[in-house]
Every structure is written in structure tokens, then in C-alpha cells.
Amino acid sequence: MACRRGNEWLFSNLSLDVFSGQIIWLKGHNGRGKTSLLRLITGLATPDKGTINWGQASLRSDFNFREHLVYIGHANGLKDDLTVSESLQFLARLHDRDCSPLAVAGALKCLNMQHRAHALVRTLSQGQRRRVALARLALESEPSLWVLDEPFDALDVDGISVVNRLLLDHAARGGSVLLTSHLALSLDPARVSLIELHHGKSI
């Protein structure tokens, strides 16, 4: 697989397998193509060379892929004019997850945001917005693929600890995680596979 920006190759001859129960930390300096790779894997962009498969089928031909994908990018995907509960409920409904008041309340409690459930999103700090966006992970119960772009941005120590627990629980049930992070992961190194992108080079 290969991807370029303009006339410049971000990476080429890249081969990557994501297995059940695996957490992959994608690392690299700014501009190395980390976000571009995540967008390719989620089907939001098309590689300039090569293909991406989900199981034995091409990603483009597997219409069930979206049901098994959770993608949280740099943008939190929250609506400023909705309350915290309404925003999370909207995201859950959009992605065909349990959007019941009980499920949403439980997810917010998991990320320690239950006390802000009725606050408008526009009143939240950046760290609180990130917690609400990541509360989507607490709604998941199936061994799906999580693709997370800098999930720890703006989180404090407690927030990072909660997300780490969600990642480990997900891997334990057979789920897969592909994430980028400028922060060193505070997880057991035996549970994490590190892949580093080098500009214009294969890995």
C-alpha cells in the first residue's frame, strides 16, 4: 500500500496486518502520514497503490465493515448546541449502537462526565470534550476494530487511565486497536505492537 500528498510519497510498500486482540501504536513525526494511514484504513480515503482488505474481502466491497469499526479522529464530532447526553446519544444512533438513556448515562459515568450530562457541549473544556467523544468506546461490547487518532490529547492522568482500561478490556474480548499517540503509552509493552512511519519509506 502507498500514499502520497501532492507529488511527495508519504509512505510506500507498506504492509500492515491487524489481528484480533492486538493493540498497535502507530508512531512517527508530524507529517509522516499517520492520520492519512488511519483514513485509508477506515475507508475515508483510497490508497494510491495497493489494496486494503477486511478479512478476505476488499474493504470497498465489504458493506458490513462499518458495523465493526469505531473511528475517532482529531475532531471530536460533537455538536456545540446539544447537551453532552444528546451529543453522545446522537453519535450512538448514527453508528447504530445502543443509544438508550441508560447506556449513554453509563458511558458518561465511565469517563467521569456524568456530572456534565446536561451541560451544553460549547461550555466544556477541551479535555471534557475529548472525554465525551471517547465515551463512545464505553458503548462498545463487540470485538470490533477501533481506529483512534491521538485519543489521549487534552486528557489528564485520570482520563488516560480510563482510556487505557477500555483499550485493554477491548483487546481482552478479541477486539483490535490501531492508534496514534505522541505520548508514550502507559500499557504493558507486551500488549502493544509499535510501528513507526518513516517519511517516504516502507515499513
C-alpha atoms as a PDB file:
ATOM      1  CA  MET A   1       0.000   0.000   0.000  1.00  0.00           C
ATOM      2  CA  ALA A   2       1.221   3.520  -0.781  1.00  0.00           C
ATOM      3  CA  CYS A   3       0.005   7.058  -0.179  1.00  0.00           C
ATOM      4  CA  ARG A   4       1.227  10.414  -1.385  1.00  0.00           C
ATOM      5  CA  ARG A   5       0.465  14.063  -0.741  1.00  0.00           C
ATOM      6  CA  GLY A   6       0.792  16.056  -3.942  1.00  0.00           C
ATOM      7  CA  ASN A   7       3.954  14.821  -5.660  1.00  0.00           C
ATOM      8  CA  GLU A   8       5.511  13.540  -2.449  1.00  0.00           C
ATOM      9  CA  TRP A   9       5.143   9.970  -1.192  1.00  0.00           C
ATOM     10  CA  LEU A  10       4.210   9.771   2.476  1.00  0.00           C
ATOM     11  CA  PHE A  11       4.882   6.033   2.527  1.00  0.00           C
ATOM     12  CA  SER A  12       5.173   3.184   0.070  1.00  0.00           C
ATOM     13  CA  ASN A  13       5.351  -0.618   0.097  1.00  0.00           C
ATOM     14  CA  LEU A  14       3.598  -0.594   3.439  1.00  0.00           C
ATOM     15  CA  SER A  15       2.214  -3.909   4.631  1.00  0.00           C
ATOM     16  CA  LEU A  16       0.222  -3.985   7.856  1.00  0.00           C
ATOM     17  CA  ASP A  17      -1.874  -6.696   9.490  1.00  0.00           C
ATOM     18  CA  VAL A  18      -4.157  -6.008  12.453  1.00  0.00           C
ATOM     19  CA  PHE A  19      -5.121  -9.134  14.367  1.00  0.00           C
ATOM     20  CA  SER A  20      -7.771  -9.932  16.945  1.00  0.00           C
ATOM     21  CA  GLY A  21      -6.723  -8.885  20.440  1.00  0.00           C
ATOM     22  CA  GLN A  22      -3.912  -6.667  19.163  1.00  0.00           C
ATOM     23  CA  ILE A  23      -3.122  -3.054  20.097  1.00  0.00           C
ATOM     24  CA  ILE A  24      -0.949  -1.302  17.518  1.00  0.00           C
ATOM     25  CA  TRP A  25       0.708   2.014  18.326  1.00  0.00           C
ATOM     26  CA  LEU A  26       1.459   3.927  15.144  1.00  0.00           C
ATOM     27  CA  LYS A  27       4.281   6.358  15.780  1.00  0.00           C
ATOM     28  CA  GLY A  28       6.084   8.990  13.709  1.00  0.00           C
ATOM     29  CA  HIS A  29       6.967  12.647  13.461  1.00  0.00           C
ATOM     30  CA  ASN A  30       4.425  15.194  12.239  1.00  0.00           C
ATOM     31  CA  GLY A  31       3.762  14.914   8.516  1.00  0.00           C
ATOM     32  CA  ARG A  32       4.808  11.268   8.268  1.00  0.00           C
ATOM     33  CA  GLY A  33       1.348  10.130   7.186  1.00  0.00           C
ATOM     34  CA  LYS A  34      -0.143   8.710  10.392  1.00  0.00           C
ATOM     35  CA  THR A  35      -3.538  10.357  10.002  1.00  0.00           C
ATOM     36  CA  SER A  36      -3.521   9.618   6.266  1.00  0.00           C
ATOM     37  CA  LEU A  37      -2.960   5.928   7.015  1.00  0.00           C
ATOM     38  CA  LEU A  38      -5.827   5.876   9.511  1.00  0.00           C
ATOM     39  CA  ARG A  39      -8.126   7.466   6.946  1.00  0.00           C
ATOM     40  CA  LEU A  40      -7.146   4.813   4.412  1.00  0.00           C
ATOM     41  CA  ILE A  41      -7.852   2.013   6.862  1.00  0.00           C
ATOM     42  CA  THR A  42     -11.272   3.428   7.736  1.00  0.00           C
ATOM     43  CA  GLY A  43     -12.222   3.748   4.073  1.00  0.00           C
ATOM     44  CA  LEU A  44     -12.337   7.562   4.151  1.00  0.00           C
ATOM     45  CA  ALA A  45      -9.589   7.711   1.523  1.00  0.00           C
ATOM     46  CA  THR A  46      -8.209   5.422  -1.171  1.00  0.00           C
ATOM     47  CA  PRO A  47      -4.556   4.330  -1.378  1.00  0.00           C
ATOM     48  CA  ASP A  48      -2.581   5.490  -4.412  1.00  0.00           C
ATOM     49  CA  LYS A  49      -1.263   1.945  -4.765  1.00  0.00           C
ATOM     50  CA  GLY A  50      -2.337  -1.343  -3.264  1.00  0.00           C
ATOM     51  CA  THR A  51      -5.491  -2.543  -1.554  1.00  0.00           C
ATOM     52  CA  ILE A  52      -6.920  -2.801   1.949  1.00  0.00           C
ATOM     53  CA  ASN A  53      -8.771  -5.944   2.983  1.00  0.00           C
ATOM     54  CA  TRP A  54     -11.228  -6.626   5.766  1.00  0.00           C
ATOM     55  CA  GLY A  55     -10.912 -10.351   6.348  1.00  0.00           C
ATOM     56  CA  GLN A  56     -10.679 -11.958   2.925  1.00  0.00           C
ATOM     57  CA  ALA A  57     -12.582  -9.261   1.035  1.00  0.00           C
ATOM     58  CA  SER A  58     -11.602  -5.848  -0.234  1.00  0.00           C
ATOM     59  CA  LEU A  59     -12.641  -3.060   2.095  1.00  0.00           C
ATOM     60  CA  ARG A  60     -14.536  -1.405  -0.741  1.00  0.00           C
ATOM     61  CA  SER A  61     -16.682  -4.475  -1.351  1.00  0.00           C
ATOM     62  CA  ASP A  62     -17.447  -5.337   2.288  1.00  0.00           C
ATOM     63  CA  PHE A  63     -20.591  -3.456   3.224  1.00  0.00           C
ATOM     64  CA  ASN A  64     -20.520  -4.815   6.782  1.00  0.00           C
ATOM     65  CA  PHE A  65     -17.173  -3.214   7.570  1.00  0.00           C
ATOM     66  CA  ARG A  66     -18.693  -0.068   9.086  1.00  0.00           C
ATOM     67  CA  GLU A  67     -20.612  -2.136  11.618  1.00  0.00           C
ATOM     68  CA  HIS A  68     -17.304  -3.394  13.024  1.00  0.00           C
ATOM     69  CA  LEU A  69     -15.457  -0.066  13.032  1.00  0.00           C
ATOM     70  CA  VAL A  70     -15.099   2.708  15.584  1.00  0.00           C
ATOM     71  CA  TYR A  71     -13.163   5.717  14.312  1.00  0.00           C
ATOM     72  CA  ILE A  72     -12.412   8.733  16.500  1.00  0.00           C
ATOM     73  CA  GLY A  73     -10.253  11.340  14.789  1.00  0.00           C
ATOM     74  CA  HIS A  74      -8.775  14.649  15.917  1.00  0.00           C
ATOM     75  CA  ALA A  75     -12.215  16.271  15.701  1.00  0.00           C
ATOM     76  CA  ASN A  76     -14.487  15.121  18.490  1.00  0.00           C
ATOM     77  CA  GLY A  77     -17.627  15.076  16.362  1.00  0.00           C
ATOM     78  CA  LEU A  78     -19.716  16.838  18.996  1.00  0.00           C
ATOM     79  CA  LYS A  79     -22.414  19.435  18.378  1.00  0.00           C
ATOM     80  CA  ASP A  80     -21.939  22.662  20.359  1.00  0.00           C
ATOM     81  CA  ASP A  81     -25.668  23.330  20.629  1.00  0.00           C
ATOM     82  CA  LEU A  82     -26.513  19.900  22.056  1.00  0.00           C
ATOM     83  CA  THR A  83     -26.088  18.781  25.629  1.00  0.00           C
ATOM     84  CA  VAL A  84     -23.432  16.215  26.468  1.00  0.00           C
ATOM     85  CA  SER A  85     -26.044  13.434  26.694  1.00  0.00           C
ATOM     86  CA  GLU A  86     -27.743  14.488  23.469  1.00  0.00           C
ATOM     87  CA  SER A  87     -24.437  14.622  21.613  1.00  0.00           C
ATOM     88  CA  LEU A  88     -23.351  11.156  22.715  1.00  0.00           C
ATOM     89  CA  GLN A  89     -26.817   9.770  22.020  1.00  0.00           C
ATOM     90  CA  PHE A  90     -26.687  11.247  18.512  1.00  0.00           C
ATOM     91  CA  LEU A  91     -23.303   9.601  17.824  1.00  0.00           C
ATOM     92  CA  ALA A  92     -24.541   6.268  19.167  1.00  0.00           C
ATOM     93  CA  ARG A  93     -27.645   6.375  16.989  1.00  0.00           C
ATOM     94  CA  LEU A  94     -25.602   7.450  13.948  1.00  0.00           C
ATOM     95  CA  HIS A  95     -23.336   4.422  14.325  1.00  0.00           C
ATOM     96  CA  ASP A  96     -26.151   2.006  15.205  1.00  0.00           C
ATOM     97  CA  ARG A  97     -25.065   1.498  18.812  1.00  0.00           C
ATOM     98  CA  ASP A  98     -27.204   1.373  21.950  1.00  0.00           C
ATOM     99  CA  CYS A  99     -28.440   4.954  22.344  1.00  0.00           C
ATOM    100  CA  SER A 100     -30.802   4.367  25.271  1.00  0.00           C
ATOM    101  CA  PRO A 101     -30.618   6.881  28.155  1.00  0.00           C
ATOM    102  CA  LEU A 102     -29.306   4.119  30.425  1.00  0.00           C
ATOM    103  CA  ALA A 103     -26.472   3.191  28.047  1.00  0.00           C
ATOM    104  CA  VAL A 104     -25.498   6.825  27.461  1.00  0.00           C
ATOM    105  CA  ALA A 105     -25.528   7.580  31.190  1.00  0.00           C
ATOM    106  CA  GLY A 106     -23.333   4.546  31.852  1.00  0.00           C
ATOM    107  CA  ALA A 107     -20.822   5.556  29.180  1.00  0.00           C
ATOM    108  CA  LEU A 108     -20.581   9.092  30.549  1.00  0.00           C
ATOM    109  CA  LYS A 109     -20.069   7.744  34.051  1.00  0.00           C
ATOM    110  CA  CYS A 110     -17.266   5.524  32.778  1.00  0.00           C
ATOM    111  CA  LEU A 111     -15.451   8.646  31.525  1.00  0.00           C
ATOM    112  CA  ASN A 112     -16.362  10.605  34.691  1.00  0.00           C
ATOM    113  CA  MET A 113     -18.583  13.028  32.768  1.00  0.00           C
ATOM    114  CA  GLN A 114     -21.947  12.179  34.339  1.00  0.00           C
ATOM    115  CA  HIS A 115     -21.954  15.464  36.271  1.00  0.00           C
ATOM    116  CA  ARG A 116     -21.919  17.384  32.957  1.00  0.00           C
ATOM    117  CA  ALA A 117     -24.582  15.302  31.219  1.00  0.00           C
ATOM    118  CA  HIS A 118     -26.994  18.209  30.827  1.00  0.00           C
ATOM    119  CA  ALA A 119     -24.400  20.870  30.039  1.00  0.00           C
ATOM    120  CA  LEU A 120     -24.121  22.253  26.517  1.00  0.00           C
ATOM    121  CA  VAL A 121     -21.073  20.971  24.668  1.00  0.00           C
ATOM    122  CA  ARG A 122     -19.943  24.553  23.997  1.00  0.00           C
ATOM    123  CA  THR A 123     -19.377  25.034  27.754  1.00  0.00           C
ATOM    124  CA  LEU A 124     -16.894  22.159  28.041  1.00  0.00           C
ATOM    125  CA  SER A 125     -13.119  22.376  28.219  1.00  0.00           C
ATOM    126  CA  GLN A 126     -11.061  20.600  25.554  1.00  0.00           C
ATOM    127  CA  GLY A 127     -10.324  17.750  27.953  1.00  0.00           C
ATOM    128  CA  GLN A 128     -14.003  17.329  28.769  1.00  0.00           C
ATOM    129  CA  ARG A 129     -14.931  17.326  25.077  1.00  0.00           C
ATOM    130  CA  ARG A 130     -12.373  14.601  24.491  1.00  0.00           C
ATOM    131  CA  ARG A 131     -13.822  12.516  27.317  1.00  0.00           C
ATOM    132  CA  VAL A 132     -17.323  12.788  25.856  1.00  0.00           C
ATOM    133  CA  ALA A 133     -16.076  11.754  22.407  1.00  0.00           C
ATOM    134  CA  LEU A 134     -14.200   8.802  23.904  1.00  0.00           C
ATOM    135  CA  ALA A 135     -17.304   7.765  25.846  1.00  0.00           C
ATOM    136  CA  ARG A 136     -18.304   6.138  22.535  1.00  0.00           C
ATOM    137  CA  LEU A 137     -15.792   3.420  23.410  1.00  0.00           C
ATOM    138  CA  ALA A 138     -17.690   2.595  26.594  1.00  0.00           C
ATOM    139  CA  LEU A 139     -20.765   1.833  24.464  1.00  0.00           C
ATOM    140  CA  GLU A 140     -18.909  -0.940  22.630  1.00  0.00           C
ATOM    141  CA  SER A 141     -19.277  -4.595  23.586  1.00  0.00           C
ATOM    142  CA  GLU A 142     -18.259  -6.426  20.407  1.00  0.00           C
ATOM    143  CA  PRO A 143     -14.701  -7.310  19.244  1.00  0.00           C
ATOM    144  CA  SER A 144     -14.611  -4.569  16.622  1.00  0.00           C
ATOM    145  CA  LEU A 145     -11.744  -2.514  15.183  1.00  0.00           C
ATOM    146  CA  TRP A 146     -11.002   0.760  16.976  1.00  0.00           C
ATOM    147  CA  VAL A 147      -9.069   3.347  14.968  1.00  0.00           C
ATOM    148  CA  LEU A 148      -8.105   6.251  17.217  1.00  0.00           C
ATOM    149  CA  ASP A 149      -6.168   9.363  16.185  1.00  0.00           C
ATOM    150  CA  GLU A 150      -4.383  10.854  19.218  1.00  0.00           C
ATOM    151  CA  PRO A 151      -7.029   9.675  21.705  1.00  0.00           C
ATOM    152  CA  PHE A 152      -5.047  10.962  24.709  1.00  0.00           C
ATOM    153  CA  ASP A 153      -4.903  14.577  23.521  1.00  0.00           C
ATOM    154  CA  ALA A 154      -6.091  17.024  26.220  1.00  0.00           C
ATOM    155  CA  LEU A 155      -6.687  14.235  28.769  1.00  0.00           C
ATOM    156  CA  ASP A 156      -5.377  14.388  32.317  1.00  0.00           C
ATOM    157  CA  VAL A 157      -3.815  11.442  34.132  1.00  0.00           C
ATOM    158  CA  ASP A 158      -7.166  10.086  35.289  1.00  0.00           C
ATOM    159  CA  GLY A 159      -8.627  10.325  31.769  1.00  0.00           C
ATOM    160  CA  ILE A 160      -5.642   8.492  30.301  1.00  0.00           C
ATOM    161  CA  SER A 161      -6.042   5.737  32.897  1.00  0.00           C
ATOM    162  CA  VAL A 162      -9.715   5.260  31.993  1.00  0.00           C
ATOM    163  CA  VAL A 163      -8.975   5.044  28.268  1.00  0.00           C
ATOM    164  CA  ASN A 164      -6.128   2.596  28.873  1.00  0.00           C
ATOM    165  CA  ARG A 165      -8.530   0.344  30.778  1.00  0.00           C
ATOM    166  CA  LEU A 166     -11.028   0.496  27.914  1.00  0.00           C
ATOM    167  CA  LEU A 167      -8.290  -0.425  25.435  1.00  0.00           C
ATOM    168  CA  LEU A 168      -7.176  -3.429  27.476  1.00  0.00           C
ATOM    169  CA  ASP A 169     -10.739  -4.637  28.047  1.00  0.00           C
ATOM    170  CA  HIS A 170     -11.421  -4.354  24.318  1.00  0.00           C
ATOM    171  CA  ALA A 171      -8.303  -6.333  23.407  1.00  0.00           C
ATOM    172  CA  ALA A 172      -9.199  -8.965  26.027  1.00  0.00           C
ATOM    173  CA  ARG A 173     -12.545  -9.632  24.305  1.00  0.00           C
ATOM    174  CA  GLY A 174     -10.816 -10.070  20.962  1.00  0.00           C
ATOM    175  CA  GLY A 175     -11.103  -6.525  19.669  1.00  0.00           C
ATOM    176  CA  SER A 176      -8.349  -4.736  17.761  1.00  0.00           C
ATOM    177  CA  VAL A 177      -6.931  -1.245  18.227  1.00  0.00           C
ATOM    178  CA  LEU A 178      -4.883   0.923  15.889  1.00  0.00           C
ATOM    179  CA  LEU A 179      -3.964   4.265  17.416  1.00  0.00           C
ATOM    180  CA  THR A 180      -1.581   7.170  17.102  1.00  0.00           C
ATOM    181  CA  SER A 181      -0.136   8.948  20.111  1.00  0.00           C
ATOM    182  CA  HIS A 182       2.641  11.453  20.748  1.00  0.00           C
ATOM    183  CA  LEU A 183       2.570  10.306  24.360  1.00  0.00           C
ATOM    184  CA  ALA A 184       4.336   7.139  25.406  1.00  0.00           C
ATOM    185  CA  LEU A 185       1.688   4.512  26.098  1.00  0.00           C
ATOM    186  CA  SER A 186       1.414   3.547  29.754  1.00  0.00           C
ATOM    187  CA  LEU A 187       0.446  -0.017  28.907  1.00  0.00           C
ATOM    188  CA  ASP A 188       2.269  -3.291  29.337  1.00  0.00           C
ATOM    189  CA  PRO A 189       4.748  -3.326  26.375  1.00  0.00           C
ATOM    190  CA  ALA A 190       3.876  -6.993  25.868  1.00  0.00           C
ATOM    191  CA  ARG A 191       0.342  -5.946  24.910  1.00  0.00           C
ATOM    192  CA  VAL A 192       1.375  -3.290  22.365  1.00  0.00           C
ATOM    193  CA  SER A 193       2.956  -3.580  18.910  1.00  0.00           C
ATOM    194  CA  LEU A 194       4.906  -0.479  17.871  1.00  0.00           C
ATOM    195  CA  ILE A 195       5.073   0.562  14.204  1.00  0.00           C
ATOM    196  CA  GLU A 196       6.980   3.686  13.194  1.00  0.00           C
ATOM    197  CA  LEU A 197       6.362   5.531   9.952  1.00  0.00           C
ATOM    198  CA  HIS A 198       9.372   6.991   8.172  1.00  0.00           C
ATOM    199  CA  HIS A 199       8.773   9.673   5.566  1.00  0.00           C
ATOM    200  CA  GLY A 200       8.651   8.271   2.048  1.00  0.00           C
ATOM    201  CA  LYS A 201       9.908   4.863   3.141  1.00  0.00           C
ATOM    202  CA  SER A 202       8.376   1.443   3.523  1.00  0.00           C
ATOM    203  CA  ILE A 203       7.885  -0.316   6.855  1.00  0.00           C
END
